[in-house]
Protein backbone atom coordinates (compact mmCIF):
# COMPACT_ATOMS: atom_id res chain seq x y z
CA MET A 1 30.64 34.45 4.67
CA GLU A 2 27.38 34.76 2.49
CA GLU A 3 27.10 31.21 2.45
CA GLN A 4 27.28 31.23 6.26
CA ASN A 5 24.95 34.22 6.36
CA SER A 6 22.14 32.18 4.34
CA ALA A 7 22.97 28.94 6.65
CA MET A 8 22.05 31.13 9.74
CA GLU A 9 18.74 32.32 7.73
CA ASN A 10 17.95 29.21 7.12
CA LYS A 11 18.04 28.01 10.36
CA SER A 12 15.92 30.43 11.97
CA HIS A 13 13.19 29.02 9.38
CA LEU A 14 13.92 25.15 9.23
CA GLY A 15 15.07 25.27 12.60
CA GLU A 16 12.82 27.60 14.28
CA LYS A 17 10.93 26.17 17.44
CA ALA A 18 7.57 24.65 16.35
CA THR A 19 4.32 26.31 16.85
CA TYR A 20 0.72 25.32 16.07
CA ARG A 21 -0.09 28.90 14.40
CA GLY A 22 3.25 28.51 12.51
CA LEU A 23 3.14 25.25 11.39
CA LEU A 24 -0.44 26.25 9.95
CA THR A 25 0.86 29.44 8.55
CA LYS A 26 4.13 28.05 6.82
CA SER A 27 1.86 25.02 5.03
CA PHE A 28 -0.92 27.21 3.87
CA PRO A 29 0.72 27.95 0.60
CA SER A 30 1.86 24.48 0.09
CA ILE A 31 -1.71 23.01 0.81
CA LEU A 32 -3.36 25.44 -1.61
CA MET A 33 -0.54 24.37 -4.11
CA MET A 34 -1.79 20.72 -3.67
CA ILE A 35 -5.16 21.65 -3.89
CA ALA A 36 -4.82 23.87 -6.54
CA VAL A 37 -2.88 20.85 -8.62
CA SER A 38 -6.12 18.52 -7.94
CA VAL A 39 -8.88 21.25 -9.24
CA TYR A 40 -7.01 21.77 -12.24
CA SER A 41 -7.47 17.77 -13.39
CA LEU A 42 -11.45 18.31 -13.05
CA PHE A 43 -11.20 21.46 -15.40
CA ASP A 44 -9.03 19.17 -18.02
CA GLY A 45 -12.46 16.53 -17.89
CA PHE A 46 -14.87 18.92 -18.26
CA PHE A 47 -13.35 20.66 -21.38
CA VAL A 48 -12.52 17.31 -22.83
CA SER A 49 -15.93 15.69 -22.00
CA ASN A 50 -18.08 18.66 -23.02
CA TYR A 51 -16.58 19.68 -26.30
CA GLY A 52 -14.85 16.41 -27.22
CA GLY A 53 -17.44 13.83 -27.01
CA SER A 54 -17.66 10.96 -24.53
CA THR A 55 -15.09 8.69 -26.22
CA GLN A 56 -12.36 11.19 -26.15
CA PHE A 57 -13.24 11.46 -22.33
CA ALA A 58 -12.97 7.86 -21.92
CA ALA A 59 -9.51 7.89 -23.75
CA VAL A 60 -8.26 10.42 -21.38
CA ASN A 61 -9.25 8.52 -18.32
CA PHE A 62 -8.05 5.44 -19.87
CA VAL A 63 -4.34 6.38 -20.94
CA TYR A 64 -3.94 8.97 -18.19
CA PRO A 65 -2.75 6.80 -15.54
CA VAL A 66 -0.10 5.26 -17.74
CA ILE A 67 1.39 8.68 -18.15
CA MET A 68 1.25 9.52 -14.62
CA LEU A 69 3.57 6.28 -13.52
CA ILE A 70 6.04 8.12 -15.14
CA GLY A 71 5.23 11.35 -13.34
CA THR A 72 5.28 9.55 -9.78
CA ILE A 73 9.43 9.96 -10.56
CA GLY A 74 9.59 13.21 -9.42
CA PHE A 75 7.42 12.73 -6.19
CA MET A 76 10.13 9.99 -5.64
CA MET A 77 13.00 12.12 -6.16
CA GLY A 78 11.77 15.29 -4.49
CA SER A 79 10.52 13.69 -1.54
CA GLY A 80 13.78 11.36 -0.99
CA GLY A 81 15.93 14.38 -2.00
CA ALA A 82 14.44 16.92 0.09
CA ALA A 83 14.55 14.91 3.29
CA LEU A 84 18.37 14.09 2.60
CA VAL A 85 19.28 17.73 1.55
CA ALA A 86 17.40 19.49 4.49
CA LYS A 87 18.93 16.88 6.73
CA LYS A 88 22.62 18.18 5.51
CA PHE A 89 21.62 21.73 6.00
CA GLY A 90 20.73 20.63 9.85
CA GLU A 91 23.99 19.02 10.17
CA GLY A 92 25.57 22.47 8.89
CA ASP A 93 27.11 21.06 5.61
CA ILE A 94 25.43 23.58 3.07
CA LYS A 95 28.00 22.64 0.30
CA ARG A 96 27.01 18.97 0.14
CA GLY A 97 23.24 19.57 0.74
CA ASN A 98 23.36 21.72 -2.68
CA ALA A 99 25.55 19.05 -4.64
CA TYR A 100 22.77 16.54 -3.62
CA PHE A 101 20.44 19.09 -4.76
CA PHE A 102 21.92 18.91 -8.17
CA LEU A 103 22.17 15.37 -8.52
CA CYS A 104 18.61 14.89 -7.38
CA VAL A 105 17.53 17.25 -10.23
CA LEU A 106 19.99 15.59 -12.96
CA SER A 107 18.76 12.28 -11.99
CA CYS A 108 15.09 13.46 -12.16
CA THR A 109 15.35 14.72 -15.41
CA VAL A 110 17.47 11.84 -17.00
CA LEU A 111 14.84 9.10 -15.82
CA GLY A 112 11.95 10.94 -16.95
CA ILE A 113 13.54 11.64 -20.53
CA VAL A 114 14.27 7.55 -20.53
CA LEU A 115 10.93 6.74 -19.18
CA SER A 116 8.94 8.90 -21.62
CA THR A 117 10.96 8.26 -24.65
CA ILE A 118 10.34 4.50 -24.02
CA THR A 119 6.47 4.98 -23.28
CA TYR A 120 6.22 7.07 -26.37
CA ILE A 121 7.44 4.80 -28.96
CA PHE A 122 5.53 1.48 -26.90
CA LEU A 123 2.38 3.10 -26.20
CA PRO A 124 0.16 1.40 -28.91
CA GLN A 125 1.41 -2.06 -27.26
CA ILE A 126 0.89 -1.00 -23.71
CA LEU A 127 -2.72 0.09 -24.69
CA LEU A 128 -3.59 -3.08 -26.67
CA PHE A 129 -2.37 -5.03 -23.53
CA MET A 130 -4.63 -2.83 -21.57
CA LYS A 131 -7.66 -3.97 -23.95
CA ALA A 132 -8.25 -0.49 -25.21
CA ASP A 133 -11.00 -0.69 -27.92
CA GLU A 134 -10.62 0.30 -31.45
CA ALA A 135 -12.70 3.39 -30.81
CA MET A 136 -10.49 4.98 -28.20
CA LEU A 137 -7.37 3.57 -29.13
CA PRO A 138 -6.17 6.32 -31.77
CA TYR A 139 -7.31 9.15 -29.15
CA CYS A 140 -5.22 7.53 -26.53
CA ILE A 141 -2.45 7.35 -28.56
CA GLU A 142 -2.59 10.88 -29.63
CA TYR A 143 -3.12 12.05 -26.15
CA GLY A 144 -0.58 9.84 -24.46
CA ARG A 145 2.00 10.64 -26.99
CA ILE A 146 1.66 14.40 -26.48
CA LEU A 147 1.84 14.16 -22.77
CA CYS A 148 4.94 12.16 -23.10
CA ILE A 149 6.84 15.30 -24.28
CA GLY A 150 5.74 16.85 -21.37
CA VAL A 151 6.06 14.63 -18.42
CA THR A 152 9.73 15.24 -17.77
CA PHE A 153 8.88 18.90 -16.80
CA PHE A 154 5.83 17.41 -14.69
CA ASN A 155 8.32 15.35 -13.00
CA LEU A 156 10.43 18.27 -12.37
CA GLN A 157 7.12 20.45 -10.98
CA ASN A 158 7.00 17.67 -8.55
CA LEU A 159 10.02 17.60 -7.17
CA PHE A 160 10.50 21.49 -6.73
CA GLN A 161 7.21 21.33 -4.63
CA ASN A 162 8.97 19.52 -2.00
CA PHE A 163 12.32 21.92 -2.63
CA PHE A 164 10.25 25.11 -2.30
CA ASN A 165 9.88 23.82 1.33
CA VAL A 166 13.36 23.25 2.10
CA ALA A 167 14.20 26.73 0.61
CA GLU A 168 11.45 28.01 3.18
CA ASN A 169 9.63 29.56 -0.01
CA PRO A 170 6.43 27.89 -0.38
CA ARG A 171 4.59 30.86 -1.61
CA LEU A 172 6.90 31.08 -4.66
CA GLY A 173 5.72 27.51 -5.23
CA PHE A 174 2.19 28.23 -5.07
CA ILE A 175 2.52 30.85 -7.23
CA VAL A 176 4.24 28.77 -10.04
CA THR A 177 1.81 26.20 -9.68
CA VAL A 178 -0.96 28.29 -9.83
CA GLY A 179 0.21 30.13 -12.99
CA ALA A 180 0.77 26.73 -14.48
CA GLY A 181 -2.50 25.72 -13.91
CA ILE A 182 -4.06 28.76 -15.10
CA SER A 183 -2.45 28.42 -18.27
CA ASN A 184 -3.53 24.98 -18.68
CA ILE A 185 -7.10 25.91 -18.04
CA ALA A 186 -6.73 29.14 -20.48
CA PHE A 187 -5.20 27.03 -23.20
CA ASP A 188 -7.71 24.34 -22.59
CA ALA A 189 -10.61 26.85 -23.25
CA ILE A 190 -8.58 28.29 -26.17
CA PHE A 191 -7.76 25.08 -28.17
CA VAL A 192 -10.63 23.00 -27.04
CA ALA A 193 -13.83 25.03 -26.80
CA GLY A 194 -12.44 27.70 -28.83
CA LEU A 195 -10.74 26.13 -31.82
CA GLY A 196 -12.49 22.67 -31.41
CA MET A 197 -9.27 20.67 -31.45
CA GLY A 198 -10.32 18.21 -28.92
CA ILE A 199 -8.10 15.69 -27.16
CA VAL A 200 -5.60 17.18 -28.99
CA GLY A 201 -6.14 20.46 -27.90
CA ALA A 202 -6.18 19.40 -24.19
CA ALA A 203 -2.88 17.65 -24.63
CA ILE A 204 -1.09 20.45 -25.76
CA GLY A 205 -2.51 22.80 -23.29
CA THR A 206 -1.81 20.47 -20.55
CA VAL A 207 2.07 20.25 -21.65
CA ILE A 208 2.27 23.98 -21.73
CA GLY A 209 1.26 24.35 -18.14
CA GLN A 210 3.98 21.57 -17.12
CA VAL A 211 6.68 23.27 -19.13
CA LEU A 212 5.78 26.29 -17.26
CA GLY A 213 5.43 24.27 -13.98
CA GLY A 214 9.24 22.82 -14.15
CA LEU A 215 11.14 25.45 -16.10
CA LEU A 216 10.20 28.31 -13.94
CA PRO A 217 11.51 26.79 -10.65
CA LEU A 218 14.57 25.51 -12.29
CA LEU A 219 15.46 29.14 -13.61
CA TYR A 220 14.92 30.12 -10.00
CA PHE A 221 17.29 27.65 -8.33
CA CYS A 222 19.95 28.39 -10.91
CA LYS A 223 20.59 32.06 -9.46
CA ARG A 224 21.25 32.88 -6.12
CA ASN A 225 17.79 33.19 -3.72
CA LYS A 226 17.31 34.15 0.00
CA SER A 227 17.84 30.55 1.07
CA PRO A 228 20.86 28.71 0.85
CA LEU A 229 19.58 26.10 -1.82
CA LEU A 230 21.26 26.81 -5.15
CA LEU A 231 21.33 24.73 -8.23
CA ARG A 232 24.95 24.51 -9.18
CA PRO A 233 26.99 21.67 -11.20
CA GLY A 234 28.89 19.30 -8.88
CA ILE A 235 30.62 16.06 -8.64
CA PHE A 236 28.59 13.20 -9.94
CA ALA A 237 28.28 10.15 -7.31
CA LEU A 238 25.69 7.41 -7.62
CA ARG A 239 25.48 6.54 -3.87
CA PRO A 240 23.40 9.80 -2.94
CA ILE A 241 21.25 9.23 -5.61
CA LEU A 242 20.45 5.74 -5.07
CA ARG A 243 19.78 7.14 -1.44
CA MET A 244 17.26 9.56 -2.74
CA MET A 245 15.49 6.93 -4.66
CA GLY A 246 15.44 4.69 -1.87
CA ASN A 247 14.24 7.28 0.61
CA GLY A 248 11.69 8.53 -1.80
CA LEU A 249 10.56 4.98 -2.97
CA SER A 250 7.30 4.80 -0.69
CA GLU A 251 5.97 8.10 -2.59
CA PHE A 252 6.54 6.28 -5.66
CA ILE A 253 4.76 2.90 -4.46
CA THR A 254 2.18 4.95 -2.84
CA ASN A 255 1.16 7.09 -6.10
CA ALA A 256 1.34 3.70 -8.16
CA ALA A 257 -0.83 1.71 -5.44
CA VAL A 258 -3.61 4.25 -6.01
CA SER A 259 -3.99 3.74 -9.57
CA ILE A 260 -3.73 0.11 -9.23
CA LEU A 261 -6.43 0.42 -6.32
CA THR A 262 -8.51 2.25 -8.62
CA ILE A 263 -8.82 -0.36 -11.06
CA PHE A 264 -9.30 -3.00 -8.58
CA ILE A 265 -12.31 -1.01 -6.65
CA ASN A 266 -13.68 -0.46 -10.16
CA ALA A 267 -13.89 -4.11 -10.98
CA LEU A 268 -15.66 -4.78 -7.53
CA LEU A 269 -18.27 -1.78 -8.48
CA MET A 270 -18.79 -3.26 -11.67
CA ASP A 271 -19.67 -6.51 -10.17
CA TYR A 272 -22.20 -5.44 -7.71
CA TYR A 273 -23.53 -2.06 -9.28
CA GLY A 274 -22.63 -2.00 -12.69
CA GLU A 275 -21.36 1.63 -14.28
CA ASN A 276 -23.64 3.38 -11.82
CA GLY A 277 -20.95 1.97 -9.23
CA VAL A 278 -18.26 3.34 -10.95
CA SER A 279 -19.71 6.43 -11.74
CA ALA A 280 -20.54 7.05 -8.15
CA TYR A 281 -16.70 6.35 -7.18
CA GLY A 282 -15.86 8.87 -9.79
CA VAL A 283 -17.57 11.80 -7.80
CA ILE A 284 -16.33 10.60 -4.42
CA ALA A 285 -12.70 10.67 -5.93
CA TYR A 286 -13.01 14.11 -6.88
CA LEU A 287 -13.34 15.39 -3.40
CA TRP A 288 -10.83 12.59 -2.12
CA LEU A 289 -8.38 14.52 -4.15
CA ILE A 290 -9.28 17.75 -2.77
CA PHE A 291 -9.35 16.37 0.98
CA ALA A 292 -5.83 14.28 0.43
CA ALA A 293 -3.97 17.42 -1.11
CA THR A 294 -4.65 19.17 2.13
CA PHE A 295 -2.69 16.35 3.86
CA ILE A 296 -0.06 16.06 1.14
CA GLY A 297 0.39 19.72 1.40
CA PHE A 298 1.06 19.56 5.03
CA SER A 299 3.20 16.75 4.63
CA MET A 300 5.41 18.74 2.20
CA SER A 301 5.59 21.70 4.45
CA VAL A 302 6.47 20.06 7.84
CA CYS A 303 8.86 17.14 6.30
CA PRO A 304 11.84 19.21 5.87
CA LYS A 305 11.56 20.65 9.49
CA ILE A 306 11.83 17.20 10.77
CA SER A 307 14.75 16.19 8.46
CA TYR A 308 16.38 19.54 9.64
CA GLN A 309 15.86 18.90 13.39
CA PHE A 310 16.58 15.21 12.82
CA GLY A 311 20.22 16.01 11.35
CA ALA A 312 20.59 18.91 14.05
CA LYS A 313 20.19 16.03 16.96
CA ASN A 314 17.22 18.54 18.24
CA LYS A 315 15.38 15.46 20.20
CA GLU A 316 13.38 18.21 21.92
CA GLU A 317 11.99 19.76 18.63
CA LEU A 318 11.82 16.88 16.78
CA SER A 319 9.06 15.74 19.36
CA SER A 320 7.30 19.03 19.26
CA LEU A 321 7.19 18.56 15.63
CA LEU A 322 5.46 15.21 15.90
CA ARG A 323 3.13 15.43 18.41
CA LYS A 324 1.83 18.88 16.83
CA SER A 325 1.54 17.46 13.31
CA LEU A 326 -0.47 14.38 14.54
CA LEU A 327 -3.05 16.73 16.73
CA LEU A 328 -3.22 19.32 13.53
CA TYR A 329 -3.90 16.01 11.09
CA LEU A 330 -6.72 14.87 13.55
CA GLY A 331 -8.18 18.38 13.61
CA PHE A 332 -8.13 18.49 9.76
CA GLY A 333 -9.55 15.11 9.87
CA VAL A 334 -12.90 16.64 11.86
CA ILE A 335 -13.19 19.30 9.62
CA GLU A 336 -13.22 17.31 6.40
CA VAL A 337 -15.79 14.90 7.95
CA ILE A 338 -18.22 17.60 8.54
CA LEU A 339 -17.30 19.36 5.36
CA ALA A 340 -17.87 15.65 3.82
CA GLU A 341 -21.51 15.13 4.98
CA SER A 342 -22.37 18.71 4.71
CA LEU A 343 -21.69 19.00 1.08
CA ALA A 344 -22.71 15.48 0.39
CA TYR A 345 -25.96 16.76 -1.53
CA PRO A 346 -24.79 19.74 -3.59
CA ILE A 347 -21.81 18.10 -4.57
CA CYS A 348 -23.61 14.58 -5.60
CA TYR A 349 -26.15 16.42 -7.45
CA ALA A 350 -24.13 18.86 -9.28
CA TYR A 351 -22.44 15.66 -10.99
CA VAL A 352 -25.09 13.35 -11.18
CA GLY A 353 -28.62 15.13 -10.36
CA TYR A 354 -30.03 14.06 -13.73
CA ASP A 355 -30.11 10.56 -12.62
CA GLN A 356 -32.44 9.84 -9.71
CA ALA A 357 -31.18 6.09 -9.34
CA LEU A 358 -27.44 7.10 -9.57
CA PHE A 359 -27.84 10.17 -7.37
CA ASP A 360 -29.19 8.14 -4.61
CA LEU A 361 -26.48 5.68 -4.82
CA THR A 362 -23.81 8.49 -4.67
CA ILE A 363 -24.79 10.38 -2.03
CA TYR A 364 -25.40 7.06 0.11
CA ALA A 365 -22.08 6.11 -0.89
CA PHE A 366 -20.49 9.62 -0.36
CA ARG A 367 -21.89 9.98 3.45
CA ILE A 368 -20.33 6.47 4.46
CA TYR A 369 -16.85 6.96 2.55
CA GLY A 370 -16.95 10.71 4.17
CA LEU A 371 -16.08 9.01 7.56
CA SER A 372 -13.08 7.53 6.41
CA TYR A 373 -11.41 11.27 6.35
CA LEU A 374 -11.42 11.46 10.07
CA PHE A 375 -7.92 9.31 10.31
CA LEU A 376 -6.93 9.52 6.70
CA GLY A 377 -4.18 12.40 7.57
CA ILE A 378 -2.56 10.34 10.23
CA SER A 379 -2.43 7.22 8.22
CA MET A 380 -0.84 9.03 5.32
CA PHE A 381 1.79 11.15 7.68
CA GLY A 382 3.13 7.82 9.10
CA SER A 383 5.06 7.18 5.30
CA ALA A 384 5.95 10.61 5.11
CA PHE A 385 7.60 10.93 8.51
CA PHE A 386 9.98 7.86 7.97
CA THR A 387 11.15 9.51 4.69
CA ALA A 388 11.99 12.73 6.49
CA LEU A 389 13.96 10.33 8.93
CA ASN A 390 15.42 8.96 5.93
CA ASN A 391 14.28 5.78 7.24
CA ALA A 392 13.27 4.51 3.48
CA LEU A 393 12.51 0.90 4.49
CA VAL A 394 10.07 1.64 7.51
CA SER A 395 8.28 4.35 5.07
CA CYS A 396 7.99 1.65 2.13
CA LEU A 397 6.38 -0.63 4.46
CA ILE A 398 3.74 1.72 5.98
CA SER A 399 3.07 2.15 2.00
CA VAL A 400 2.73 -1.10 0.94
CA GLY A 401 1.16 -2.33 4.31
CA ARG A 402 -1.63 0.34 3.68
CA LEU A 403 -2.58 0.31 0.19
CA PHE A 404 -1.70 -3.42 -0.60
CA VAL A 405 -2.08 -5.41 2.45
CA ILE A 406 -4.75 -3.44 4.71
CA GLU A 407 -7.22 -1.95 2.06
CA LEU A 408 -7.13 -4.85 -0.47
CA LEU A 409 -7.82 -7.36 2.29
CA LEU A 410 -10.70 -5.45 3.72
CA LEU A 411 -12.05 -5.09 -0.22
CA GLU A 412 -11.75 -8.64 -0.65
CA LEU A 413 -13.27 -9.79 2.71
CA LEU A 414 -16.09 -7.13 3.43
CA PRO A 415 -18.21 -7.45 0.24
CA LEU A 416 -18.65 -11.26 0.68
CA GLY A 417 -20.26 -10.58 3.98
CA LEU A 418 -22.17 -7.22 3.23
CA GLY A 419 -22.33 -7.08 -0.55
CA GLY A 420 -21.71 -3.79 -2.17
CA ASP A 421 -21.94 -1.81 1.21
CA GLY A 422 -18.67 -3.38 2.01
CA ILE A 423 -16.98 -1.81 -0.70
CA TRP A 424 -17.46 1.70 0.97
CA ILE A 425 -17.28 0.44 4.73
CA SER A 426 -13.89 -1.15 3.86
CA PHE A 427 -12.52 2.43 3.55
CA VAL A 428 -14.16 3.60 6.71
CA ILE A 429 -12.63 0.53 8.93
CA SER A 430 -9.12 0.64 6.95
CA GLN A 431 -8.24 4.35 8.20
CA PRO A 432 -8.47 3.55 11.91
CA ILE A 433 -6.60 0.59 11.50
CA GLU A 434 -3.63 2.25 9.58
CA THR A 435 -3.53 4.79 12.00
CA ILE A 436 -2.95 2.18 14.72
CA VAL A 437 -0.11 0.60 12.98
CA VAL A 438 1.35 4.07 12.09
CA LEU A 439 1.61 5.12 15.58
CA ILE A 440 2.67 1.52 16.75
CA LEU A 441 5.78 2.01 14.44
CA MET A 442 5.99 5.46 15.60
CA ALA A 443 6.40 4.37 19.46
CA ALA A 444 8.61 1.41 18.43
CA PHE A 445 11.64 3.57 16.62
CA SER A 446 11.21 6.52 19.22
CA ASN A 447 14.07 5.45 20.95
CA LYS A 448 16.34 4.99 17.79
CA TYR A 449 15.44 8.70 16.59
CA GLY A 450 14.94 10.46 20.41
CA TYR A 451 11.65 11.69 19.64
CA SER A 452 8.39 11.11 22.20
CA LEU A 453 5.13 10.48 21.30
CA ILE A 454 4.08 11.84 24.92
CA HIS A 455 4.93 15.39 26.46
CA ARG A 456 7.11 14.70 29.38
CA LYS A 457 8.47 17.63 32.01
CA LYS A 458 12.30 17.99 32.56
CA LYS A 459 13.80 16.31 35.14
CA ASP A 460 15.44 19.40 36.32
CA GLY A 461 12.49 21.10 36.51
CA GLU A 462 10.42 18.36 38.72
CA GLU A 463 13.46 18.08 40.97
CA GLY A 464 13.55 21.84 41.23
CA GLN A 465 9.58 22.06 42.21
CA GLU A 466 10.42 19.00 44.74
CA ALA A 467 13.26 20.79 46.72
């Protein structure tokens, strides 16, 4: 009886009718949570750069993407697992949904431990292969190996961020993330600024924050809460684990591709602008992290609802969720373009105002790039939408097509005719192209999943009016 009551309570949330106000209200904690995660990375760089020196700061940026490749496991298992569990809840199968939840957490933990151990052992060889110079190498090894200790908890934190939305408690997820981030900042200040521990202190502070961010949600889901989502040992089965991994593969590819694209972009910028180009793109990337976090946070909130309605076979509500989400993404895009253009001068001045030539290049590139935010949300949502429908193949194809085909192709071609300007313009052109592709795919699969991109009046109503 208790489990049935919990299921009914869950239905009143995940299965409730979508309204613009409701979607914005429910997504607000997730958006703030993702923005908070993005902001904390800026503080890490600030303390290391100002108190550890330029070599240590360079080492952090050099080795961090290697560790974050392991951290993408949490995004993969979280998005793929949450979609499957929410679908089972929509079908009314609470017991199987919780069994899949346990398998998701277990497999994420095991994968994290295995991959972080391998990385810890072979990190020096990996860094030498990446051509780390002698000055940075010792710092890279120190920082990277300490982060390897905490990356499994970081994976769990990323995983639980998705499941807090399935449990309809995104506020708690926000509180946990903010608490972990504040502890990271506080320990950075103590270890780096106060005790002069440099890059080692920053790494320890980061690991403490990761442990808190992963362990606290684990304890929460181990005990009964207001939702039916409960972490209890169940029967081990390989098939649902593979299904969750496959369903979340696009999120893994997306996060990995961002690192690969950044390496490629920096190489292009060195050819056309030298170090100033890389610095200018770094300033742009800081704002991109914040704006992209808004889209990711909204997706984390709305996708469990999409999975639930898909499982419940509520085609009308599924259509309503899709249409409202697309309009909200477009609204977010308009706001972000206005903000990017308005904040260009103060942001660029705060980072590179000390160098007039660098400042001029940065603000010029910043304002061109700012136009790309108009359609960024919809292009990013395409992959998340099909993940929510448990269609791993289409979701993965969208991610690969966006990052490895459209964006790379434009980055290769436009600079040939437009010089360095082609790099910045490529971002502006790629987003509407990606959006068109996403909308075409959504329309193509509408009959299969029973949703509609265009609102249609009910035939019975129309017939009644005619009569």
